Amino acid sequence: MSRLEEWNPWWEGKSTLPSDFIPRQIEIPSFNHTLSLTGVKYGGKTTFIHYFIQQHYPEALYIPLSDPYFNPTSLSQYVEYYLKEINPSQPIIILDDVEHPIEPIPDIKMILISSYNHPTSLSLYPLRLSEMLQVKDPQTALKHYLTYGGFPAVYLSQNKLPPLPIIIIPL
């Protein structure tokens, strides 16, 4: 099951966070069974959940459903391996890039990450200016925020990007 270990490096104490990671000012509420984390594509959901796992649930099982090596028919085998080999004290399964309804697994908490809204979802929006100010000086952060918005990948990009066009619609 080396693919699971590749997807879950925190089992071996390894970090997946980029060195310039910006901690988000959001907390995942307590939940009994299933929680959906939703937000726009490239809004930082996966990086946020990696941070959350490493801080709170280092025994969590994370499966990226969009990975070309993911085999949907093997999901039950992944869960079985996780429960037997990792033997977590608090089992939690995190499925990333969920596009269709997922059947709950009895007695196991699940977090579903998606770009689509689901019942009982927590929405993760692009970075706020206050979050950007943690990393860059105020003038640079404001200029970048007004030019490119709050998408983490764009904000942390080393490449110079052209400014977004501003469209003014007369009323």
N, C-alpha and C. Protein backbone atom coordinates (compact mmCIF):
# COMPACT_ATOMS: atom_id res chain seq x y z
N MET A 1 0.83 -1.20 0.00
CA MET A 1 0.00 0.00 0.00
C MET A 1 0.87 1.26 0.00
N SER A 2 1.93 1.25 -0.78
CA SER A 2 2.84 2.40 -0.81
C SER A 2 2.15 3.67 -1.32
N ARG A 3 1.10 3.51 -2.14
CA ARG A 3 0.39 4.69 -2.63
C ARG A 3 -0.26 5.42 -1.45
N LEU A 4 -0.83 4.69 -0.50
CA LEU A 4 -1.41 5.32 0.69
C LEU A 4 -0.36 6.05 1.49
N GLU A 5 0.81 5.47 1.62
CA GLU A 5 1.89 6.13 2.37
C GLU A 5 2.36 7.38 1.64
N GLU A 6 2.33 7.35 0.32
CA GLU A 6 2.70 8.53 -0.47
C GLU A 6 1.66 9.64 -0.27
N TRP A 7 0.38 9.28 -0.23
CA TRP A 7 -0.68 10.25 -0.02
C TRP A 7 -0.74 10.75 1.42
N ASN A 8 -0.18 10.00 2.36
CA ASN A 8 -0.28 10.31 3.79
C ASN A 8 1.09 10.36 4.45
N PRO A 9 1.98 11.28 4.04
CA PRO A 9 3.34 11.31 4.57
C PRO A 9 3.40 11.65 6.06
N TRP A 10 2.34 12.25 6.61
CA TRP A 10 2.31 12.60 8.04
C TRP A 10 2.33 11.36 8.91
N TRP A 11 1.97 10.18 8.36
CA TRP A 11 2.06 8.93 9.13
C TRP A 11 3.50 8.68 9.56
N GLU A 12 4.43 9.18 8.75
CA GLU A 12 5.85 9.02 9.06
C GLU A 12 6.47 10.32 9.58
N GLY A 13 5.63 11.28 9.97
CA GLY A 13 6.11 12.53 10.53
C GLY A 13 6.60 13.54 9.52
N LYS A 14 6.32 13.33 8.23
CA LYS A 14 6.77 14.26 7.19
C LYS A 14 5.71 15.32 6.93
N SER A 15 6.15 16.50 6.55
CA SER A 15 5.25 17.61 6.24
C SER A 15 5.06 17.73 4.74
N THR A 16 3.87 18.14 4.33
CA THR A 16 3.59 18.37 2.91
C THR A 16 3.40 19.85 2.61
N LEU A 17 3.55 20.68 3.63
CA LEU A 17 3.28 22.10 3.46
C LEU A 17 4.42 22.84 2.79
N PRO A 18 4.11 23.75 1.87
CA PRO A 18 5.18 24.55 1.27
C PRO A 18 5.80 25.47 2.33
N SER A 19 7.04 25.83 2.11
CA SER A 19 7.75 26.66 3.10
C SER A 19 7.07 28.03 3.27
N ASP A 20 6.38 28.50 2.25
CA ASP A 20 5.72 29.80 2.33
C ASP A 20 4.22 29.67 2.63
N PHE A 21 3.84 28.58 3.29
CA PHE A 21 2.44 28.34 3.63
C PHE A 21 1.89 29.46 4.50
N ILE A 22 0.67 29.89 4.20
CA ILE A 22 -0.01 30.93 4.97
C ILE A 22 -1.09 30.26 5.81
N PRO A 23 -0.95 30.23 7.14
CA PRO A 23 -2.00 29.62 7.97
C PRO A 23 -3.32 30.38 7.80
N ARG A 24 -4.39 29.64 7.58
CA ARG A 24 -5.70 30.25 7.38
C ARG A 24 -6.35 30.56 8.72
N GLN A 25 -7.15 31.61 8.75
CA GLN A 25 -7.85 32.02 9.96
C GLN A 25 -9.25 31.39 9.94
N ILE A 26 -9.27 30.06 9.98
CA ILE A 26 -10.52 29.32 9.94
C ILE A 26 -10.34 28.07 10.77
N GLU A 27 -11.39 27.67 11.44
CA GLU A 27 -11.35 26.44 12.22
C GLU A 27 -12.44 25.51 11.73
N ILE A 28 -12.13 24.24 11.70
CA ILE A 28 -13.14 23.26 11.34
C ILE A 28 -13.97 22.99 12.58
N PRO A 29 -15.29 23.16 12.48
CA PRO A 29 -16.14 22.93 13.66
C PRO A 29 -16.19 21.45 14.01
N SER A 30 -16.55 21.16 15.24
CA SER A 30 -16.71 19.75 15.61
C SER A 30 -17.90 19.20 14.83
N PHE A 31 -17.81 17.94 14.48
CA PHE A 31 -18.88 17.30 13.72
C PHE A 31 -18.95 15.85 14.13
N ASN A 32 -20.13 15.27 13.97
CA ASN A 32 -20.33 13.90 14.42
C ASN A 32 -19.93 12.86 13.40
N HIS A 33 -20.25 13.08 12.14
CA HIS A 33 -19.97 12.03 11.17
C HIS A 33 -19.32 12.54 9.89
N THR A 34 -20.00 13.40 9.14
CA THR A 34 -19.47 13.85 7.86
C THR A 34 -19.52 15.37 7.77
N LEU A 35 -18.43 15.94 7.27
CA LEU A 35 -18.35 17.38 7.04
C LEU A 35 -17.82 17.58 5.63
N SER A 36 -18.39 18.52 4.92
CA SER A 36 -17.89 18.86 3.59
C SER A 36 -17.17 20.19 3.66
N LEU A 37 -16.00 20.24 3.09
CA LEU A 37 -15.22 21.47 2.96
C LEU A 37 -15.30 21.88 1.50
N THR A 38 -15.96 22.99 1.25
CA THR A 38 -16.16 23.41 -0.13
C THR A 38 -15.50 24.76 -0.38
N GLY A 39 -15.25 25.04 -1.63
CA GLY A 39 -14.67 26.32 -2.02
C GLY A 39 -14.31 26.29 -3.49
N VAL A 40 -13.94 27.43 -4.01
CA VAL A 40 -13.60 27.53 -5.43
C VAL A 40 -12.35 26.71 -5.74
N LYS A 41 -12.26 26.29 -6.99
CA LYS A 41 -11.07 25.55 -7.42
C LYS A 41 -9.85 26.43 -7.21
N TYR A 42 -8.76 25.83 -6.78
CA TYR A 42 -7.49 26.50 -6.51
C TYR A 42 -7.57 27.53 -5.40
N GLY A 43 -8.54 27.36 -4.52
CA GLY A 43 -8.72 28.29 -3.40
C GLY A 43 -7.94 27.88 -2.16
N GLY A 44 -7.20 26.79 -2.19
CA GLY A 44 -6.36 26.38 -1.07
C GLY A 44 -6.97 25.31 -0.17
N LYS A 45 -8.02 24.63 -0.62
CA LYS A 45 -8.68 23.62 0.22
C LYS A 45 -7.75 22.47 0.57
N THR A 46 -7.04 21.94 -0.41
CA THR A 46 -6.17 20.79 -0.18
C THR A 46 -5.02 21.15 0.75
N THR A 47 -4.38 22.28 0.51
CA THR A 47 -3.28 22.70 1.39
C THR A 47 -3.79 22.95 2.80
N PHE A 48 -4.97 23.58 2.91
CA PHE A 48 -5.54 23.80 4.24
C PHE A 48 -5.79 22.48 4.96
N ILE A 49 -6.33 21.50 4.24
CA ILE A 49 -6.65 20.23 4.91
C ILE A 49 -5.36 19.50 5.28
N HIS A 50 -4.30 19.61 4.49
CA HIS A 50 -3.01 19.03 4.87
C HIS A 50 -2.51 19.66 6.17
N TYR A 51 -2.65 20.97 6.28
CA TYR A 51 -2.27 21.67 7.51
C TYR A 51 -3.11 21.17 8.68
N PHE A 52 -4.42 21.08 8.47
CA PHE A 52 -5.34 20.61 9.51
C PHE A 52 -4.97 19.20 9.97
N ILE A 53 -4.69 18.31 9.02
CA ILE A 53 -4.31 16.93 9.37
C ILE A 53 -3.05 16.94 10.21
N GLN A 54 -2.03 17.65 9.75
CA GLN A 54 -0.74 17.64 10.45
C GLN A 54 -0.84 18.25 11.84
N GLN A 55 -1.74 19.20 12.02
CA GLN A 55 -1.90 19.84 13.33
C GLN A 55 -2.80 19.06 14.27
N HIS A 56 -3.85 18.39 13.75
CA HIS A 56 -4.88 17.82 14.61
C HIS A 56 -5.09 16.31 14.47
N TYR A 57 -4.89 15.76 13.29
CA TYR A 57 -5.18 14.34 13.05
C TYR A 57 -4.06 13.67 12.25
N PRO A 58 -2.86 13.54 12.79
CA PRO A 58 -1.76 12.95 12.02
C PRO A 58 -1.97 11.48 11.67
N GLU A 59 -3.02 10.88 12.20
CA GLU A 59 -3.34 9.49 11.84
C GLU A 59 -4.46 9.43 10.79
N ALA A 60 -4.90 10.58 10.28
CA ALA A 60 -6.00 10.61 9.31
C ALA A 60 -5.61 9.91 8.02
N LEU A 61 -6.61 9.36 7.35
CA LEU A 61 -6.43 8.77 6.02
C LEU A 61 -6.89 9.80 5.00
N TYR A 62 -5.98 10.23 4.13
CA TYR A 62 -6.27 11.21 3.09
C TYR A 62 -6.19 10.50 1.74
N ILE A 63 -7.24 10.63 0.93
CA ILE A 63 -7.24 10.02 -0.40
C ILE A 63 -7.65 11.07 -1.42
N PRO A 64 -6.74 11.40 -2.36
CA PRO A 64 -7.09 12.34 -3.43
C PRO A 64 -7.80 11.60 -4.57
N LEU A 65 -9.09 11.79 -4.68
CA LEU A 65 -9.86 11.04 -5.68
C LEU A 65 -9.48 11.40 -7.11
N SER A 66 -8.85 12.54 -7.30
CA SER A 66 -8.45 12.95 -8.65
C SER A 66 -7.08 12.40 -9.05
N ASP A 67 -6.38 11.74 -8.13
CA ASP A 67 -5.08 11.16 -8.45
C ASP A 67 -5.26 10.07 -9.51
N PRO A 68 -4.46 10.09 -10.57
CA PRO A 68 -4.63 9.07 -11.62
C PRO A 68 -4.42 7.64 -11.11
N TYR A 69 -3.74 7.48 -9.98
CA TYR A 69 -3.51 6.14 -9.44
C TYR A 69 -4.63 5.69 -8.50
N PHE A 70 -5.58 6.59 -8.21
CA PHE A 70 -6.70 6.20 -7.35
C PHE A 70 -7.61 5.25 -8.11
N ASN A 71 -7.95 4.15 -7.47
CA ASN A 71 -8.84 3.16 -8.05
C ASN A 71 -10.09 3.10 -7.18
N PRO A 72 -11.23 3.59 -7.70
CA PRO A 72 -12.44 3.61 -6.88
C PRO A 72 -12.84 2.25 -6.31
N THR A 73 -12.54 1.18 -7.04
CA THR A 73 -12.91 -0.15 -6.55
C THR A 73 -12.03 -0.59 -5.38
N SER A 74 -10.94 0.15 -5.13
CA SER A 74 -10.04 -0.20 -4.03
C SER A 74 -10.31 0.59 -2.75
N LEU A 75 -11.32 1.45 -2.75
CA LEU A 75 -11.57 2.29 -1.59
C LEU A 75 -11.75 1.46 -0.32
N SER A 76 -12.51 0.40 -0.39
CA SER A 76 -12.72 -0.43 0.81
C SER A 76 -11.41 -1.07 1.27
N GLN A 77 -10.54 -1.43 0.33
CA GLN A 77 -9.22 -2.00 0.70
C GLN A 77 -8.35 -0.94 1.38
N TYR A 78 -8.41 0.30 0.88
CA TYR A 78 -7.66 1.39 1.51
C TYR A 78 -8.11 1.59 2.95
N VAL A 79 -9.43 1.60 3.15
CA VAL A 79 -9.98 1.80 4.49
C VAL A 79 -9.60 0.63 5.40
N GLU A 80 -9.70 -0.58 4.89
CA GLU A 80 -9.34 -1.77 5.67
C GLU A 80 -7.87 -1.72 6.08
N TYR A 81 -7.00 -1.38 5.15
CA TYR A 81 -5.56 -1.26 5.45
C TYR A 81 -5.34 -0.19 6.52
N TYR A 82 -5.98 0.95 6.35
CA TYR A 82 -5.86 2.06 7.29
C TYR A 82 -6.25 1.64 8.71
N LEU A 83 -7.39 1.00 8.83
CA LEU A 83 -7.87 0.60 10.15
C LEU A 83 -7.00 -0.48 10.79
N LYS A 84 -6.48 -1.38 9.97
CA LYS A 84 -5.67 -2.49 10.50
C LYS A 84 -4.21 -2.08 10.75
N GLU A 85 -3.59 -1.45 9.77
CA GLU A 85 -2.15 -1.15 9.86
C GLU A 85 -1.84 0.13 10.62
N ILE A 86 -2.62 1.17 10.40
CA ILE A 86 -2.38 2.44 11.08
C ILE A 86 -3.04 2.41 12.46
N ASN A 87 -4.18 1.71 12.54
CA ASN A 87 -4.89 1.53 13.81
C ASN A 87 -5.07 2.86 14.55
N PRO A 88 -5.75 3.82 13.91
CA PRO A 88 -5.88 5.15 14.53
C PRO A 88 -6.76 5.13 15.78
N SER A 89 -6.41 5.98 16.73
CA SER A 89 -7.23 6.10 17.93
C SER A 89 -8.55 6.81 17.62
N GLN A 90 -8.52 7.77 16.67
CA GLN A 90 -9.72 8.47 16.20
C GLN A 90 -9.75 8.37 14.67
N PRO A 91 -10.37 7.33 14.13
CA PRO A 91 -10.37 7.20 12.66
C PRO A 91 -11.08 8.37 11.99
N ILE A 92 -10.42 8.93 11.00
CA ILE A 92 -11.01 10.00 10.19
C ILE A 92 -10.50 9.83 8.76
N ILE A 93 -11.42 9.84 7.84
CA ILE A 93 -11.08 9.66 6.42
C ILE A 93 -11.40 10.96 5.70
N ILE A 94 -10.44 11.43 4.90
CA ILE A 94 -10.60 12.67 4.16
C ILE A 94 -10.49 12.35 2.68
N LEU A 95 -11.56 12.62 1.96
CA LEU A 95 -11.60 12.38 0.52
C LEU A 95 -11.56 13.72 -0.19
N ASP A 96 -10.57 13.89 -1.05
CA ASP A 96 -10.37 15.16 -1.76
C ASP A 96 -10.91 15.07 -3.18
N ASP A 97 -11.45 16.17 -3.65
CA ASP A 97 -11.98 16.31 -5.01
C ASP A 97 -13.20 15.42 -5.23
N VAL A 98 -14.13 15.46 -4.29
CA VAL A 98 -15.36 14.68 -4.36
C VAL A 98 -16.31 15.34 -5.36
N GLU A 99 -16.79 14.58 -6.32
CA GLU A 99 -17.72 15.11 -7.32
C GLU A 99 -19.11 14.50 -7.21
N HIS A 100 -19.22 13.35 -6.55
CA HIS A 100 -20.49 12.65 -6.44
C HIS A 100 -20.76 12.32 -4.98
N PRO A 101 -22.02 12.06 -4.63
CA PRO A 101 -22.32 11.69 -3.25
C PRO A 101 -21.50 10.47 -2.80
N ILE A 102 -21.06 10.49 -1.57
CA ILE A 102 -20.26 9.41 -0.99
C ILE A 102 -21.07 8.75 0.12
N GLU A 103 -21.10 7.44 0.11
CA GLU A 103 -21.80 6.69 1.15
C GLU A 103 -21.01 6.77 2.44
N PRO A 104 -21.63 7.17 3.55
CA PRO A 104 -20.90 7.23 4.83
C PRO A 104 -20.38 5.85 5.25
N ILE A 105 -19.30 5.86 5.99
CA ILE A 105 -18.74 4.63 6.54
C ILE A 105 -19.09 4.62 8.02
N PRO A 106 -19.79 3.59 8.50
CA PRO A 106 -20.23 3.57 9.90
C PRO A 106 -19.08 3.76 10.89
N ASP A 107 -19.32 4.56 11.91
CA ASP A 107 -18.41 4.78 13.02
C ASP A 107 -17.09 5.46 12.64
N ILE A 108 -17.03 6.07 11.48
CA ILE A 108 -15.80 6.77 11.07
C ILE A 108 -16.18 8.18 10.62
N LYS A 109 -15.48 9.18 11.16
CA LYS A 109 -15.69 10.56 10.72
C LYS A 109 -15.10 10.72 9.32
N MET A 110 -15.77 11.55 8.52
CA MET A 110 -15.30 11.80 7.16
C MET A 110 -15.34 13.30 6.87
N ILE A 111 -14.34 13.76 6.14
CA ILE A 111 -14.34 15.11 5.59
C ILE A 111 -14.28 14.96 4.09
N LEU A 112 -15.22 15.57 3.40
CA LEU A 112 -15.28 15.53 1.94
C LEU A 112 -14.89 16.90 1.43
N ILE A 113 -13.89 16.94 0.55
CA ILE A 113 -13.42 18.21 -0.01
C ILE A 113 -13.92 18.31 -1.44
N SER A 114 -14.55 19.44 -1.76
CA SER A 114 -15.20 19.56 -3.05
C SER A 114 -15.29 21.02 -3.47
N SER A 115 -15.49 21.21 -4.76
CA SER A 115 -15.77 22.56 -5.27
C SER A 115 -17.27 22.79 -5.32
N TYR A 116 -18.04 21.78 -4.93
CA TYR A 116 -19.50 21.86 -4.97
C TYR A 116 -20.04 21.87 -3.56
N ASN A 117 -21.13 22.62 -3.33
CA ASN A 117 -21.74 22.66 -2.00
C ASN A 117 -22.48 21.36 -1.70
N HIS A 118 -22.35 20.93 -0.46
CA HIS A 118 -23.04 19.75 0.05
C HIS A 118 -23.72 20.16 1.34
N PRO A 119 -24.68 19.37 1.81
CA PRO A 119 -25.24 19.66 3.14
C PRO A 119 -24.14 19.59 4.19
N THR A 120 -24.25 20.34 5.23
CA THR A 120 -23.28 20.40 6.32
C THR A 120 -21.89 20.72 5.76
N SER A 121 -21.79 21.80 5.03
CA SER A 121 -20.50 22.14 4.46
C SER A 121 -19.91 23.38 5.13
N LEU A 122 -18.60 23.44 5.10
CA LEU A 122 -17.83 24.58 5.57
C LEU A 122 -17.17 25.16 4.34
N SER A 123 -17.45 26.41 4.02
CA SER A 123 -16.89 27.01 2.81
C SER A 123 -15.55 27.67 3.11
N LEU A 124 -14.57 27.40 2.27
CA LEU A 124 -13.26 28.01 2.38
C LEU A 124 -13.11 28.98 1.21
N TYR A 125 -12.99 30.23 1.52
CA TYR A 125 -12.90 31.27 0.50
C TYR A 125 -11.43 31.59 0.23
N PRO A 126 -11.15 32.31 -0.87
CA PRO A 126 -9.76 32.74 -1.10
C PRO A 126 -9.25 33.56 0.09
N LEU A 127 -7.93 33.77 0.11
CA LEU A 127 -7.29 34.48 1.22
C LEU A 127 -7.92 35.85 1.47
N ARG A 128 -8.01 36.19 2.73
CA ARG A 128 -8.42 37.54 3.11
C ARG A 128 -7.18 38.42 3.14
N LEU A 129 -7.39 39.71 3.03
CA LEU A 129 -6.26 40.64 3.11
C LEU A 129 -5.54 40.47 4.44
N SER A 130 -6.28 40.26 5.52
CA SER A 130 -5.64 40.09 6.84
C SER A 130 -4.73 38.87 6.87
N GLU A 131 -5.08 37.82 6.12
CA GLU A 131 -4.21 36.64 6.05
C GLU A 131 -2.95 36.94 5.23
N MET A 132 -3.09 37.72 4.18
CA MET A 132 -1.93 38.10 3.37
C MET A 132 -0.95 38.95 4.16
N LEU A 133 -1.49 39.77 5.05
CA LEU A 133 -0.64 40.66 5.83
C LEU A 133 0.28 39.90 6.79
N GLN A 134 -0.01 38.62 7.04
CA GLN A 134 0.85 37.81 7.89
C GLN A 134 2.19 37.52 7.21
N VAL A 135 2.18 37.58 5.87
CA VAL A 135 3.36 37.18 5.12
C VAL A 135 4.09 38.33 4.45
N LYS A 136 3.35 39.32 3.95
CA LYS A 136 3.97 40.42 3.21
C LYS A 136 3.70 41.74 3.93
N ASP A 137 4.51 42.74 3.59
CA ASP A 137 4.30 44.05 4.19
C ASP A 137 2.96 44.62 3.69
N PRO A 138 2.34 45.52 4.45
CA PRO A 138 1.00 46.00 4.12
C PRO A 138 0.85 46.57 2.71
N GLN A 139 1.81 47.38 2.27
CA GLN A 139 1.67 48.01 0.96
C GLN A 139 1.73 46.96 -0.16
N THR A 140 2.67 46.03 -0.07
CA THR A 140 2.78 44.98 -1.08
C THR A 140 1.56 44.08 -1.06
N ALA A 141 1.11 43.70 0.14
CA ALA A 141 -0.06 42.82 0.26
C ALA A 141 -1.30 43.48 -0.34
N LEU A 142 -1.53 44.76 -0.05
CA LEU A 142 -2.71 45.45 -0.57
C LEU A 142 -2.65 45.55 -2.09
N LYS A 143 -1.48 45.92 -2.61
CA LYS A 143 -1.34 46.03 -4.07
C LYS A 143 -1.61 44.68 -4.73
N HIS A 144 -1.04 43.62 -4.18
CA HIS A 144 -1.24 42.29 -4.75
C HIS A 144 -2.71 41.87 -4.65
N TYR A 145 -3.33 42.13 -3.51
CA TYR A 145 -4.73 41.76 -3.29
C TYR A 145 -5.65 42.47 -4.28
N LEU A 146 -5.41 43.76 -4.51
CA LEU A 146 -6.25 44.52 -5.43
C LEU A 146 -5.98 44.14 -6.89
N THR A 147 -4.77 43.69 -7.18
CA THR A 147 -4.42 43.33 -8.55
C THR A 147 -4.84 41.92 -8.91
N TYR A 148 -4.61 40.95 -8.02
CA TYR A 148 -4.82 39.54 -8.34
C TYR A 148 -5.90 38.84 -7.53
N GLY A 149 -6.37 39.44 -6.45
CA GLY A 149 -7.34 38.76 -5.60
C GLY A 149 -6.65 37.92 -4.55
N GLY A 150 -7.40 36.99 -3.96
CA GLY A 150 -6.88 36.25 -2.82
C GLY A 150 -6.59 34.78 -3.05
N PHE A 151 -6.35 34.36 -4.28
CA PHE A 151 -6.04 32.95 -4.53
C PHE A 151 -4.62 32.64 -4.08
N PRO A 152 -4.47 31.65 -3.18
CA PRO A 152 -3.14 31.36 -2.62
C PRO A 152 -2.10 31.02 -3.67
N ALA A 153 -2.44 30.23 -4.67
CA ALA A 153 -1.45 29.84 -5.68
C ALA A 153 -0.93 31.05 -6.45
N VAL A 154 -1.81 31.99 -6.75
CA VAL A 154 -1.40 33.20 -7.46
C VAL A 154 -0.58 34.09 -6.53
N TYR A 155 -1.04 34.19 -5.29
CA TYR A 155 -0.36 35.04 -4.30
C TYR A 155 1.06 34.56 -4.04
N LEU A 156 1.25 33.25 -3.98
CA LEU A 156 2.56 32.70 -3.66
C LEU A 156 3.43 32.45 -4.89
N SER A 157 2.86 32.68 -6.07
CA SER A 157 3.57 32.42 -7.31
C SER A 157 4.81 33.30 -7.41
N GLN A 158 5.89 32.71 -7.87
CA GLN A 158 7.13 33.46 -8.09
C GLN A 158 7.12 34.14 -9.46
N ASN A 159 6.20 33.70 -10.33
CA ASN A 159 6.13 34.28 -11.68
C ASN A 159 5.35 35.59 -11.64
N LYS A 160 5.75 36.50 -12.46
CA LYS A 160 5.03 37.77 -12.58
C LYS A 160 3.82 37.52 -13.48
N LEU A 161 2.66 37.80 -12.98
CA LEU A 161 1.43 37.60 -13.74
C LEU A 161 0.88 38.94 -14.17
N PRO A 162 0.21 38.98 -15.32
CA PRO A 162 -0.40 40.26 -15.72
C PRO A 162 -1.58 40.55 -14.79
N PRO A 163 -1.85 41.83 -14.53
CA PRO A 163 -3.00 42.17 -13.68
C PRO A 163 -4.31 41.71 -14.30
N LEU A 164 -5.27 41.41 -13.45
CA LEU A 164 -6.60 41.04 -13.91
C LEU A 164 -7.26 42.28 -14.50
N PRO A 165 -8.02 42.13 -15.59
CA PRO A 165 -8.70 43.30 -16.16
C PRO A 165 -9.82 43.76 -15.24
N ILE A 166 -10.01 45.04 -15.17
CA ILE A 166 -11.13 45.59 -14.40
C ILE A 166 -12.21 45.99 -15.39
N ILE A 167 -13.39 45.43 -15.20
CA ILE A 167 -14.50 45.70 -16.10
C ILE A 167 -15.50 46.57 -15.36
N ILE A 168 -15.79 47.72 -15.92
CA ILE A 168 -16.76 48.63 -15.31
C ILE A 168 -18.02 48.59 -16.13
N ILE A 169 -19.10 48.24 -15.45
CA ILE A 169 -20.39 48.17 -16.15
C ILE A 169 -21.22 49.37 -15.72
N PRO A 170 -21.59 50.21 -16.68
CA PRO A 170 -22.41 51.38 -16.32
C PRO A 170 -23.79 50.93 -15.85
N LEU A 171 -24.30 51.64 -14.85
CA LEU A 171 -25.64 51.29 -14.34
C LEU A 171 -26.72 52.05 -15.05
